[in-house]
C-alpha atoms as a PDB file:
ATOM      1  CA  UNK A   1      87.184  68.200  87.374  1.00  0.00           C
ATOM      2  CA  UNK A   2      87.858  71.855  88.041  1.00  0.00           C
ATOM      3  CA  UNK A   3      90.366  73.583  85.751  1.00  0.00           C
ATOM      4  CA  UNK A   4      91.733  77.110  86.086  1.00  0.00           C
ATOM      5  CA  UNK A   5      93.427  79.311  83.486  1.00  0.00           C
ATOM      6  CA  UNK A   6      94.933  82.745  84.154  1.00  0.00           C
ATOM      7  CA  UNK A   7      95.385  85.503  81.589  1.00  0.00           C
ATOM      8  CA  UNK A   8      95.927  89.252  81.398  1.00  0.00           C
ATOM      9  CA  UNK A   9      99.506  89.607  82.570  1.00  0.00           C
ATOM     10  CA  UNK A  10     102.054  91.780  80.833  1.00  0.00           C
ATOM     11  CA  UNK A  11     104.416  94.728  81.115  1.00  0.00           C
ATOM     12  CA  UNK A  12     103.154  97.943  82.687  1.00  0.00           C
ATOM     13  CA  UNK A  13     104.754 101.135  84.001  1.00  0.00           C
ATOM     14  CA  UNK A  14     104.654 102.055  87.700  1.00  0.00           C
ATOM     15  CA  UNK A  15     101.310 103.602  88.539  1.00  0.00           C
ATOM     16  CA  UNK A  16      99.592 101.735  85.745  1.00  0.00           C
ATOM     17  CA  UNK A  17      96.869  99.110  85.826  1.00  0.00           C
ATOM     18  CA  UNK A  18      96.256  95.541  84.725  1.00  0.00           C
ATOM     19  CA  UNK A  19      93.264  93.234  84.974  1.00  0.00           C
ATOM     20  CA  UNK A  20      93.931  89.545  85.468  1.00  0.00           C
ATOM     21  CA  UNK A  21      91.354  86.882  84.640  1.00  0.00           C
ATOM     22  CA  UNK A  22      90.925  83.399  86.061  1.00  0.00           C
ATOM     23  CA  UNK A  23      88.614  81.308  83.905  1.00  0.00           C
ATOM     24  CA  UNK A  24      87.168  78.217  85.578  1.00  0.00           C
ATOM     25  CA  UNK A  25      85.748  75.152  83.861  1.00  0.00           C
ATOM     26  CA  UNK A  26      84.455  71.766  84.955  1.00  0.00           C
ATOM     27  CA  UNK A  27      81.858  73.044  87.415  1.00  0.00           C
ATOM     28  CA  UNK A  28      78.876  75.359  87.728  1.00  0.00           C
ATOM     29  CA  UNK A  29      77.687  77.606  90.508  1.00  0.00           C
ATOM     30  CA  UNK A  30      79.389  79.471  93.323  1.00  0.00           C
ATOM     31  CA  UNK A  31      80.782  76.510  95.257  1.00  0.00           C
ATOM     32  CA  UNK A  32      84.547  77.135  95.393  1.00  0.00           C
ATOM     33  CA  UNK A  33      86.698  79.689  97.135  1.00  0.00           C
ATOM     34  CA  UNK A  34      89.055  81.331  94.644  1.00  0.00           C
ATOM     35  CA  UNK A  35      92.356  82.881  95.663  1.00  0.00           C
ATOM     36  CA  UNK A  36      95.046  84.894  93.926  1.00  0.00           C
ATOM     37  CA  UNK A  37      98.689  84.197  94.738  1.00  0.00           C
ATOM     38  CA  UNK A  38     101.928  85.679  93.486  1.00  0.00           C
ATOM     39  CA  UNK A  39     105.487  84.398  93.551  1.00  0.00           C
ATOM     40  CA  UNK A  40     108.901  85.915  92.905  1.00  0.00           C
ATOM     41  CA  UNK A  41     111.828  83.550  92.206  1.00  0.00           C
ATOM     42  CA  UNK A  42     113.598  82.690  95.449  1.00  0.00           C
ATOM     43  CA  UNK A  43     110.799  84.006  97.651  1.00  0.00           C
ATOM     44  CA  UNK A  44     107.848  82.460  99.458  1.00  0.00           C
ATOM     45  CA  UNK A  45     104.551  82.311  97.605  1.00  0.00           C
ATOM     46  CA  UNK A  46     102.218  85.045  98.858  1.00  0.00           C
ATOM     47  CA  UNK A  47      98.423  84.978  99.000  1.00  0.00           C
ATOM     48  CA  UNK A  48      97.169  88.280  97.614  1.00  0.00           C
ATOM     49  CA  UNK A  49      93.409  87.886  97.819  1.00  0.00           C
ATOM     50  CA  UNK A  50      90.707  85.268  98.327  1.00  0.00           C
ATOM     51  CA  UNK A  51      86.957  85.154  97.816  1.00  0.00           C
ATOM     52  CA  UNK A  52      84.756  82.667  99.665  1.00  0.00           C
ATOM     53  CA  UNK A  53      81.828  80.991  97.923  1.00  0.00           C
ATOM     54  CA  UNK A  54      78.226  81.780  98.758  1.00  0.00           C
ATOM     55  CA  UNK A  55      78.494  84.960 100.792  1.00  0.00           C
ATOM     56  CA  UNK A  56      81.319  86.289  98.611  1.00  0.00           C
ATOM     57  CA  UNK A  57      83.520  87.596 101.403  1.00  0.00           C
ATOM     58  CA  UNK A  58      86.875  88.847 100.104  1.00  0.00           C
ATOM     59  CA  UNK A  59      90.226  88.992 101.846  1.00  0.00           C
ATOM     60  CA  UNK A  60      93.115  91.220 100.729  1.00  0.00           C
ATOM     61  CA  UNK A  61      96.679  91.125 101.895  1.00  0.00           C
ATOM     62  CA  UNK A  62      97.813  94.408 103.418  1.00  0.00           C
ATOM     63  CA  UNK A  63     100.399  94.855 100.680  1.00  0.00           C
ATOM     64  CA  UNK A  64      97.666  95.282  98.041  1.00  0.00           C
ATOM     65  CA  UNK A  65      94.672  96.511 100.040  1.00  0.00           C
ATOM     66  CA  UNK A  66      93.222  99.656  98.490  1.00  0.00           C
ATOM     67  CA  UNK A  67      94.963  99.020  95.165  1.00  0.00           C
ATOM     68  CA  UNK A  68      93.707  95.583  94.065  1.00  0.00           C
ATOM     69  CA  UNK A  69      90.066  94.555  93.703  1.00  0.00           C
ATOM     70  CA  UNK A  70      88.737  91.035  93.254  1.00  0.00           C
ATOM     71  CA  UNK A  71      85.428  90.315  91.520  1.00  0.00           C
ATOM     72  CA  UNK A  72      83.442  87.441  90.020  1.00  0.00           C
ATOM     73  CA  UNK A  73      81.317  87.106  86.886  1.00  0.00           C
ATOM     74  CA  UNK A  74      79.063  84.109  87.455  1.00  0.00           C
ATOM     75  CA  UNK A  75      77.759  84.058  83.883  1.00  0.00           C
ATOM     76  CA  UNK A  76      81.297  83.689  82.535  1.00  0.00           C
ATOM     77  CA  UNK A  77      82.574  81.509  85.405  1.00  0.00           C
ATOM     78  CA  UNK A  78      85.495  83.902  85.700  1.00  0.00           C
ATOM     79  CA  UNK A  79      87.192  85.673  88.598  1.00  0.00           C
ATOM     80  CA  UNK A  80      89.096  88.913  88.064  1.00  0.00           C
ATOM     81  CA  UNK A  81      91.844  90.772  89.854  1.00  0.00           C
ATOM     82  CA  UNK A  82      91.893  94.472  89.000  1.00  0.00           C
ATOM     83  CA  UNK A  83      95.327  95.852  89.866  1.00  0.00           C
ATOM     84  CA  UNK A  84      95.737  99.628  90.093  1.00  0.00           C
ATOM     85  CA  UNK A  85      98.609 101.880  91.173  1.00  0.00           C
ATOM     86  CA  UNK A  86     101.054  99.120  90.385  1.00  0.00           C
ATOM     87  CA  UNK A  87     104.517  99.179  91.933  1.00  0.00           C
ATOM     88  CA  UNK A  88     107.752  97.460  90.878  1.00  0.00           C
ATOM     89  CA  UNK A  89     107.377  95.243  93.974  1.00  0.00           C
ATOM     90  CA  UNK A  90     104.184  93.847  92.442  1.00  0.00           C
ATOM     91  CA  UNK A  91     106.279  92.145  89.763  1.00  0.00           C
ATOM     92  CA  UNK A  92     105.674  88.398  90.044  1.00  0.00           C
ATOM     93  CA  UNK A  93     104.008  85.393  88.485  1.00  0.00           C
ATOM     94  CA  UNK A  94     100.353  85.501  89.498  1.00  0.00           C
ATOM     95  CA  UNK A  95      98.331  82.327  90.043  1.00  0.00           C
ATOM     96  CA  UNK A  96      94.709  81.622  90.803  1.00  0.00           C
ATOM     97  CA  UNK A  97      93.789  78.695  93.026  1.00  0.00           C
ATOM     98  CA  UNK A  98      90.629  77.044  94.334  1.00  0.00           C
ATOM     99  CA  UNK A  99      89.331  74.941  97.197  1.00  0.00           C
ATOM    100  CA  UNK A 100      85.837  73.982  98.358  1.00  0.00           C
ATOM    101  CA  UNK A 101      83.654  76.591 100.028  1.00  0.00           C
ATOM    102  CA  UNK A 102      85.974  78.787 102.097  1.00  0.00           C
ATOM    103  CA  UNK A 103      89.416  80.347 101.930  1.00  0.00           C
ATOM    104  CA  UNK A 104      91.943  78.245 103.793  1.00  0.00           C
ATOM    105  CA  UNK A 105      95.475  77.007 104.192  1.00  0.00           C
ATOM    106  CA  UNK A 106      95.627  74.480 101.353  1.00  0.00           C
ATOM    107  CA  UNK A 107      94.289  74.853  97.820  1.00  0.00           C
ATOM    108  CA  UNK A 108      93.484  71.881  95.608  1.00  0.00           C
ATOM    109  CA  UNK A 109      93.425  73.388  92.118  1.00  0.00           C
ATOM    110  CA  UNK A 110      95.907  75.748  90.468  1.00  0.00           C
ATOM    111  CA  UNK A 111      96.325  77.564  87.192  1.00  0.00           C
ATOM    112  CA  UNK A 112      99.594  77.802  85.257  1.00  0.00           C
ATOM    113  CA  UNK A 113     100.288  81.430  86.150  1.00  0.00           C
ATOM    114  CA  UNK A 114     100.648  84.701  84.267  1.00  0.00           C
ATOM    115  CA  UNK A 115     103.634  87.057  84.425  1.00  0.00           C
ATOM    116  CA  UNK A 116     103.169  90.629  85.646  1.00  0.00           C
ATOM    117  CA  UNK A 117     106.118  92.990  85.232  1.00  0.00           C
ATOM    118  CA  UNK A 118     106.026  96.555  86.559  1.00  0.00           C
ATOM    119  CA  UNK A 119     108.952  98.593  85.248  1.00  0.00           C
ATOM    120  CA  UNK A 120     109.863 101.897  83.644  1.00  0.00           C
END
């Protein structure tokens, strides 16, 4: 089955950058939509970005549009989230998730999460 593993989180100063990775295993090809979520304790989980399979259309939440960029490396079966101009409000646990074909309301596979902290 499909397995996801996030990495790349850490501590960064405001205005800095981080690149998160979501490594997928258990499948080949571009057949799953991959999404990035983030969650702060006590708050609702927020979808940050999602890429559909096949045509590769990418959605960004307005809170990160223009600062975050999602990409895919098919050879490595890995999806990335490049985060620039980071703000303290970006502090959260970031998760990648997957479902068949297109971005949607419910995701079937989840990684364990990676902590991103933006602070001086």
